[in-house]
Amino acid sequence: MNGALKAAWALTAFVVLVGLVGWITTGEVFFAVFIVLGLVTAVGAWLSGRSTAPKGDPAP
């Protein structure tokens, strides 16, 4: 896992956490947008992580 992929997972966790905390503490449904954006970021990180071959392995 490279640095950019680690940063994407960290961003995902942060955005989802902010969304959950904001929604729970304020009751505003607007914070659901943060959760959705975090999930979209997670899908992008997962897809980009699957597209790279491990070191030493030939690319498919």
PDB file of N, CA and C in Angstrom:
ATOM      1  N   MET A   1       0.851  -1.169   0.000  1.00  0.00           N
ATOM      2  CA  MET A   1       0.000   0.000   0.000  1.00  0.00           C
ATOM      3  C   MET A   1       0.900   1.237   0.000  1.00  0.00           C
ATOM      4  N   ASN A   2       0.691   2.105  -0.970  1.00  0.00           N
ATOM      5  CA  ASN A   2       1.532   3.298  -1.064  1.00  0.00           C
ATOM      6  C   ASN A   2       0.961   4.451  -0.240  1.00  0.00           C
ATOM      7  N   GLY A   3       1.704   5.542  -0.194  1.00  0.00           N
ATOM      8  CA  GLY A   3       1.320   6.677   0.629  1.00  0.00           C
ATOM      9  C   GLY A   3       0.012   7.320   0.211  1.00  0.00           C
ATOM     10  N   ALA A   4      -0.220   7.409  -1.084  1.00  0.00           N
ATOM     11  CA  ALA A   4      -1.455   8.026  -1.568  1.00  0.00           C
ATOM     12  C   ALA A   4      -2.674   7.196  -1.172  1.00  0.00           C
ATOM     13  N   LEU A   5      -2.530   5.897  -1.222  1.00  0.00           N
ATOM     14  CA  LEU A   5      -3.639   5.023  -0.847  1.00  0.00           C
ATOM     15  C   LEU A   5      -3.904   5.090   0.656  1.00  0.00           C
ATOM     16  N   LYS A   6      -2.844   5.174   1.443  1.00  0.00           N
ATOM     17  CA  LYS A   6      -3.007   5.340   2.900  1.00  0.00           C
ATOM     18  C   LYS A   6      -3.705   6.659   3.210  1.00  0.00           C
ATOM     19  N   ALA A   7      -3.333   7.702   2.482  1.00  0.00           N
ATOM     20  CA  ALA A   7      -3.967   9.008   2.678  1.00  0.00           C
ATOM     21  C   ALA A   7      -5.443   8.954   2.300  1.00  0.00           C
ATOM     22  N   ALA A   8      -5.789   8.228   1.258  1.00  0.00           N
ATOM     23  CA  ALA A   8      -7.190   8.099   0.850  1.00  0.00           C
ATOM     24  C   ALA A   8      -8.001   7.387   1.928  1.00  0.00           C
ATOM     25  N   TRP A   9      -7.447   6.335   2.524  1.00  0.00           N
ATOM     26  CA  TRP A   9      -8.161   5.635   3.594  1.00  0.00           C
ATOM     27  C   TRP A   9      -8.276   6.509   4.840  1.00  0.00           C
ATOM     28  N   ALA A  10      -7.242   7.280   5.139  1.00  0.00           N
ATOM     29  CA  ALA A  10      -7.304   8.185   6.289  1.00  0.00           C
ATOM     30  C   ALA A  10      -8.363   9.262   6.056  1.00  0.00           C
ATOM     31  N   LEU A  11      -8.413   9.807   4.857  1.00  0.00           N
ATOM     32  CA  LEU A  11      -9.415  10.806   4.513  1.00  0.00           C
ATOM     33  C   LEU A  11     -10.817  10.218   4.613  1.00  0.00           C
ATOM     34  N   THR A  12     -10.974   8.997   4.155  1.00  0.00           N
ATOM     35  CA  THR A  12     -12.266   8.319   4.246  1.00  0.00           C
ATOM     36  C   THR A  12     -12.721   8.209   5.694  1.00  0.00           C
ATOM     37  N   ALA A  13     -11.841   7.727   6.545  1.00  0.00           N
ATOM     38  CA  ALA A  13     -12.188   7.565   7.958  1.00  0.00           C
ATOM     39  C   ALA A  13     -12.523   8.915   8.594  1.00  0.00           C
ATOM     40  N   PHE A  14     -11.748   9.931   8.284  1.00  0.00           N
ATOM     41  CA  PHE A  14     -11.967  11.258   8.857  1.00  0.00           C
ATOM     42  C   PHE A  14     -13.312  11.837   8.423  1.00  0.00           C
ATOM     43  N   VAL A  15     -13.623  11.754   7.150  1.00  0.00           N
ATOM     44  CA  VAL A  15     -14.854  12.357   6.630  1.00  0.00           C
ATOM     45  C   VAL A  15     -16.078  11.625   7.184  1.00  0.00           C
ATOM     46  N   VAL A  16     -16.017  10.296   7.241  1.00  0.00           N
ATOM     47  CA  VAL A  16     -17.144   9.543   7.790  1.00  0.00           C
ATOM     48  C   VAL A  16     -17.308   9.850   9.276  1.00  0.00           C
ATOM     49  N   LEU A  17     -16.209   9.933  10.001  1.00  0.00           N
ATOM     50  CA  LEU A  17     -16.271  10.237  11.428  1.00  0.00           C
ATOM     51  C   LEU A  17     -16.855  11.630  11.667  1.00  0.00           C
ATOM     52  N   VAL A  18     -16.417  12.604  10.895  1.00  0.00           N
ATOM     53  CA  VAL A  18     -16.967  13.957  11.026  1.00  0.00           C
ATOM     54  C   VAL A  18     -18.462  13.952  10.721  1.00  0.00           C
ATOM     55  N   GLY A  19     -18.863  13.218   9.694  1.00  0.00           N
ATOM     56  CA  GLY A  19     -20.277  13.123   9.357  1.00  0.00           C
ATOM     57  C   GLY A  19     -21.102  12.510  10.475  1.00  0.00           C
ATOM     58  N   LEU A  20     -20.605  11.418  11.041  1.00  0.00           N
ATOM     59  CA  LEU A  20     -21.333  10.765  12.130  1.00  0.00           C
ATOM     60  C   LEU A  20     -21.423  11.643  13.373  1.00  0.00           C
ATOM     61  N   VAL A  21     -20.300  12.224  13.763  1.00  0.00           N
ATOM     62  CA  VAL A  21     -20.292  13.076  14.954  1.00  0.00           C
ATOM     63  C   VAL A  21     -21.183  14.304  14.738  1.00  0.00           C
ATOM     64  N   GLY A  22     -21.081  14.908  13.584  1.00  0.00           N
ATOM     65  CA  GLY A  22     -21.907  16.077  13.292  1.00  0.00           C
ATOM     66  C   GLY A  22     -23.386  15.751  13.281  1.00  0.00           C
ATOM     67  N   TRP A  23     -23.743  14.624  12.699  1.00  0.00           N
ATOM     68  CA  TRP A  23     -25.144  14.234  12.621  1.00  0.00           C
ATOM     69  C   TRP A  23     -25.693  13.898  14.004  1.00  0.00           C
ATOM     70  N   ILE A  24     -24.901  13.173  14.797  1.00  0.00           N
ATOM     71  CA  ILE A  24     -25.352  12.788  16.136  1.00  0.00           C
ATOM     72  C   ILE A  24     -25.465  14.002  17.059  1.00  0.00           C
ATOM     73  N   THR A  25     -24.481  14.883  17.024  1.00  0.00           N
ATOM     74  CA  THR A  25     -24.483  16.008  17.960  1.00  0.00           C
ATOM     75  C   THR A  25     -25.469  17.104  17.583  1.00  0.00           C
ATOM     76  N   THR A  26     -25.675  17.353  16.302  1.00  0.00           N
ATOM     77  CA  THR A  26     -26.560  18.446  15.896  1.00  0.00           C
ATOM     78  C   THR A  26     -27.937  17.975  15.446  1.00  0.00           C
ATOM     79  N   GLY A  27     -28.024  16.746  14.989  1.00  0.00           N
ATOM     80  CA  GLY A  27     -29.290  16.247  14.472  1.00  0.00           C
ATOM     81  C   GLY A  27     -29.591  16.714  13.061  1.00  0.00           C
ATOM     82  N   GLU A  28     -28.661  17.440  12.454  1.00  0.00           N
ATOM     83  CA  GLU A  28     -28.851  17.934  11.089  1.00  0.00           C
ATOM     84  C   GLU A  28     -28.566  16.821  10.085  1.00  0.00           C
ATOM     85  N   VAL A  29     -29.502  16.587   9.189  1.00  0.00           N
ATOM     86  CA  VAL A  29     -29.351  15.537   8.188  1.00  0.00           C
ATOM     87  C   VAL A  29     -28.283  15.911   7.157  1.00  0.00           C
ATOM     88  N   PHE A  30     -27.934  17.178   7.089  1.00  0.00           N
ATOM     89  CA  PHE A  30     -26.897  17.645   6.159  1.00  0.00           C
ATOM     90  C   PHE A  30     -25.610  16.835   6.304  1.00  0.00           C
ATOM     91  N   PHE A  31     -25.296  16.378   7.508  1.00  0.00           N
ATOM     92  CA  PHE A  31     -24.053  15.655   7.736  1.00  0.00           C
ATOM     93  C   PHE A  31     -24.038  14.285   7.075  1.00  0.00           C
ATOM     94  N   ALA A  32     -25.178  13.825   6.595  1.00  0.00           N
ATOM     95  CA  ALA A  32     -25.212  12.581   5.829  1.00  0.00           C
ATOM     96  C   ALA A  32     -24.404  12.736   4.539  1.00  0.00           C
ATOM     97  N   VAL A  33     -24.298  13.962   4.044  1.00  0.00           N
ATOM     98  CA  VAL A  33     -23.487  14.222   2.841  1.00  0.00           C
ATOM     99  C   VAL A  33     -22.031  13.838   3.100  1.00  0.00           C
ATOM    100  N   PHE A  34     -21.522  14.104   4.298  1.00  0.00           N
ATOM    101  CA  PHE A  34     -20.159  13.731   4.640  1.00  0.00           C
ATOM    102  C   PHE A  34     -19.993  12.216   4.610  1.00  0.00           C
ATOM    103  N   ILE A  35     -20.986  11.511   5.116  1.00  0.00           N
ATOM    104  CA  ILE A  35     -20.908  10.049   5.133  1.00  0.00           C
ATOM    105  C   ILE A  35     -20.902   9.511   3.711  1.00  0.00           C
ATOM    106  N   VAL A  36     -21.750  10.046   2.856  1.00  0.00           N
ATOM    107  CA  VAL A  36     -21.799   9.605   1.454  1.00  0.00           C
ATOM    108  C   VAL A  36     -20.475   9.909   0.758  1.00  0.00           C
ATOM    109  N   LEU A  37     -19.935  11.105   0.975  1.00  0.00           N
ATOM    110  CA  LEU A  37     -18.647  11.448   0.358  1.00  0.00           C
ATOM    111  C   LEU A  37     -17.529  10.535   0.860  1.00  0.00           C
ATOM    112  N   GLY A  38     -17.569  10.181   2.137  1.00  0.00           N
ATOM    113  CA  GLY A  38     -16.584   9.252   2.675  1.00  0.00           C
ATOM    114  C   GLY A  38     -16.693   7.889   2.034  1.00  0.00           C
ATOM    115  N   LEU A  39     -17.915   7.423   1.813  1.00  0.00           N
ATOM    116  CA  LEU A  39     -18.097   6.129   1.170  1.00  0.00           C
ATOM    117  C   LEU A  39     -17.638   6.151  -0.285  1.00  0.00           C
ATOM    118  N   VAL A  40     -17.893   7.255  -0.971  1.00  0.00           N
ATOM    119  CA  VAL A  40     -17.412   7.397  -2.359  1.00  0.00           C
ATOM    120  C   VAL A  40     -15.882   7.379  -2.386  1.00  0.00           C
ATOM    121  N   THR A  41     -15.265   8.051  -1.432  1.00  0.00           N
ATOM    122  CA  THR A  41     -13.805   8.040  -1.338  1.00  0.00           C
ATOM    123  C   THR A  41     -13.286   6.628  -1.052  1.00  0.00           C
ATOM    124  N   ALA A  42     -13.996   5.884  -0.211  1.00  0.00           N
ATOM    125  CA  ALA A  42     -13.598   4.504   0.098  1.00  0.00           C
ATOM    126  C   ALA A  42     -13.666   3.620  -1.138  1.00  0.00           C
ATOM    127  N   VAL A  43     -14.715   3.784  -1.923  1.00  0.00           N
ATOM    128  CA  VAL A  43     -14.833   2.987  -3.156  1.00  0.00           C
ATOM    129  C   VAL A  43     -13.689   3.327  -4.103  1.00  0.00           C
ATOM    130  N   GLY A  44     -13.368   4.603  -4.232  1.00  0.00           N
ATOM    131  CA  GLY A  44     -12.252   5.006  -5.094  1.00  0.00           C
ATOM    132  C   GLY A  44     -10.925   4.464  -4.604  1.00  0.00           C
ATOM    133  N   ALA A  45     -10.705   4.479  -3.303  1.00  0.00           N
ATOM    134  CA  ALA A  45      -9.465   3.940  -2.747  1.00  0.00           C
ATOM    135  C   ALA A  45      -9.389   2.435  -2.953  1.00  0.00           C
ATOM    136  N   TRP A  46     -10.511   1.765  -2.776  1.00  0.00           N
ATOM    137  CA  TRP A  46     -10.527   0.310  -2.938  1.00  0.00           C
ATOM    138  C   TRP A  46     -10.266  -0.064  -4.398  1.00  0.00           C
ATOM    139  N   LEU A  47     -10.898   0.645  -5.321  1.00  0.00           N
ATOM    140  CA  LEU A  47     -10.706   0.344  -6.734  1.00  0.00           C
ATOM    141  C   LEU A  47      -9.282   0.667  -7.189  1.00  0.00           C
ATOM    142  N   SER A  48      -8.727   1.765  -6.713  1.00  0.00           N
ATOM    143  CA  SER A  48      -7.367   2.112  -7.130  1.00  0.00           C
ATOM    144  C   SER A  48      -6.346   1.175  -6.493  1.00  0.00           C
ATOM    145  N   GLY A  49      -6.611   0.670  -5.316  1.00  0.00           N
ATOM    146  CA  GLY A  49      -5.714  -0.276  -4.675  1.00  0.00           C
ATOM    147  C   GLY A  49      -5.719  -1.619  -5.360  1.00  0.00           C
ATOM    148  N   ARG A  50      -6.833  -2.002  -5.954  1.00  0.00           N
ATOM    149  CA  ARG A  50      -6.933  -3.283  -6.656  1.00  0.00           C
ATOM    150  C   ARG A  50      -6.287  -3.222  -8.030  1.00  0.00           C
ATOM    151  N   SER A  51      -6.119  -2.025  -8.572  1.00  0.00           N
ATOM    152  CA  SER A  51      -5.617  -1.919  -9.938  1.00  0.00           C
ATOM    153  C   SER A  51      -4.093  -1.970 -10.016  1.00  0.00           C
ATOM    154  N   THR A  52      -3.407  -1.952  -8.889  1.00  0.00           N
ATOM    155  CA  THR A  52      -1.955  -1.986  -8.906  1.00  0.00           C
ATOM    156  C   THR A  52      -1.457  -3.375  -8.543  1.00  0.00           C
ATOM    157  N   ALA A  53      -0.464  -3.827  -9.259  1.00  0.00           N
ATOM    158  CA  ALA A  53       0.118  -5.134  -8.989  1.00  0.00           C
ATOM    159  C   ALA A  53       1.137  -5.003  -7.851  1.00  0.00           C
ATOM    160  N   PRO A  54       1.262  -6.028  -7.009  1.00  0.00           N
ATOM    161  CA  PRO A  54       2.278  -5.989  -5.960  1.00  0.00           C
ATOM    162  C   PRO A  54       3.680  -5.925  -6.549  1.00  0.00           C
ATOM    163  N   LYS A  55       4.632  -5.451  -5.751  1.00  0.00           N
ATOM    164  CA  LYS A  55       6.007  -5.344  -6.226  1.00  0.00           C
ATOM    165  C   LYS A  55       6.541  -6.726  -6.607  1.00  0.00           C
ATOM    166  N   GLY A  56       7.199  -6.783  -7.728  1.00  0.00           N
ATOM    167  CA  GLY A  56       7.810  -8.027  -8.179  1.00  0.00           C
ATOM    168  C   GLY A  56       6.890  -8.875  -9.035  1.00  0.00           C
ATOM    169  N   ASP A  57       5.595  -8.600  -9.025  1.00  0.00           N
ATOM    170  CA  ASP A  57       4.678  -9.348  -9.854  1.00  0.00           C
ATOM    171  C   ASP A  57       4.484  -8.632 -11.177  1.00  0.00           C
ATOM    172  N   PRO A  58       4.389  -9.372 -12.259  1.00  0.00           N
ATOM    173  CA  PRO A  58       4.125  -8.724 -13.543  1.00  0.00           C
ATOM    174  C   PRO A  58       2.707  -8.173 -13.570  1.00  0.00           C
ATOM    175  N   ALA A  59       2.524  -7.070 -14.270  1.00  0.00           N
ATOM    176  CA  ALA A  59       1.203  -6.455 -14.380  1.00  0.00           C
ATOM    177  C   ALA A  59       0.303  -7.382 -15.185  1.00  0.00           C
ATOM    178  N   PRO A  60      -0.963  -7.464 -14.834  1.00  0.00           N
ATOM    179  CA  PRO A  60      -1.882  -8.369 -15.559  1.00  0.00           C
ATOM    180  C   PRO A  60      -2.157  -7.905 -16.967  1.00  0.00           C
TER     181      PRO A  60
END
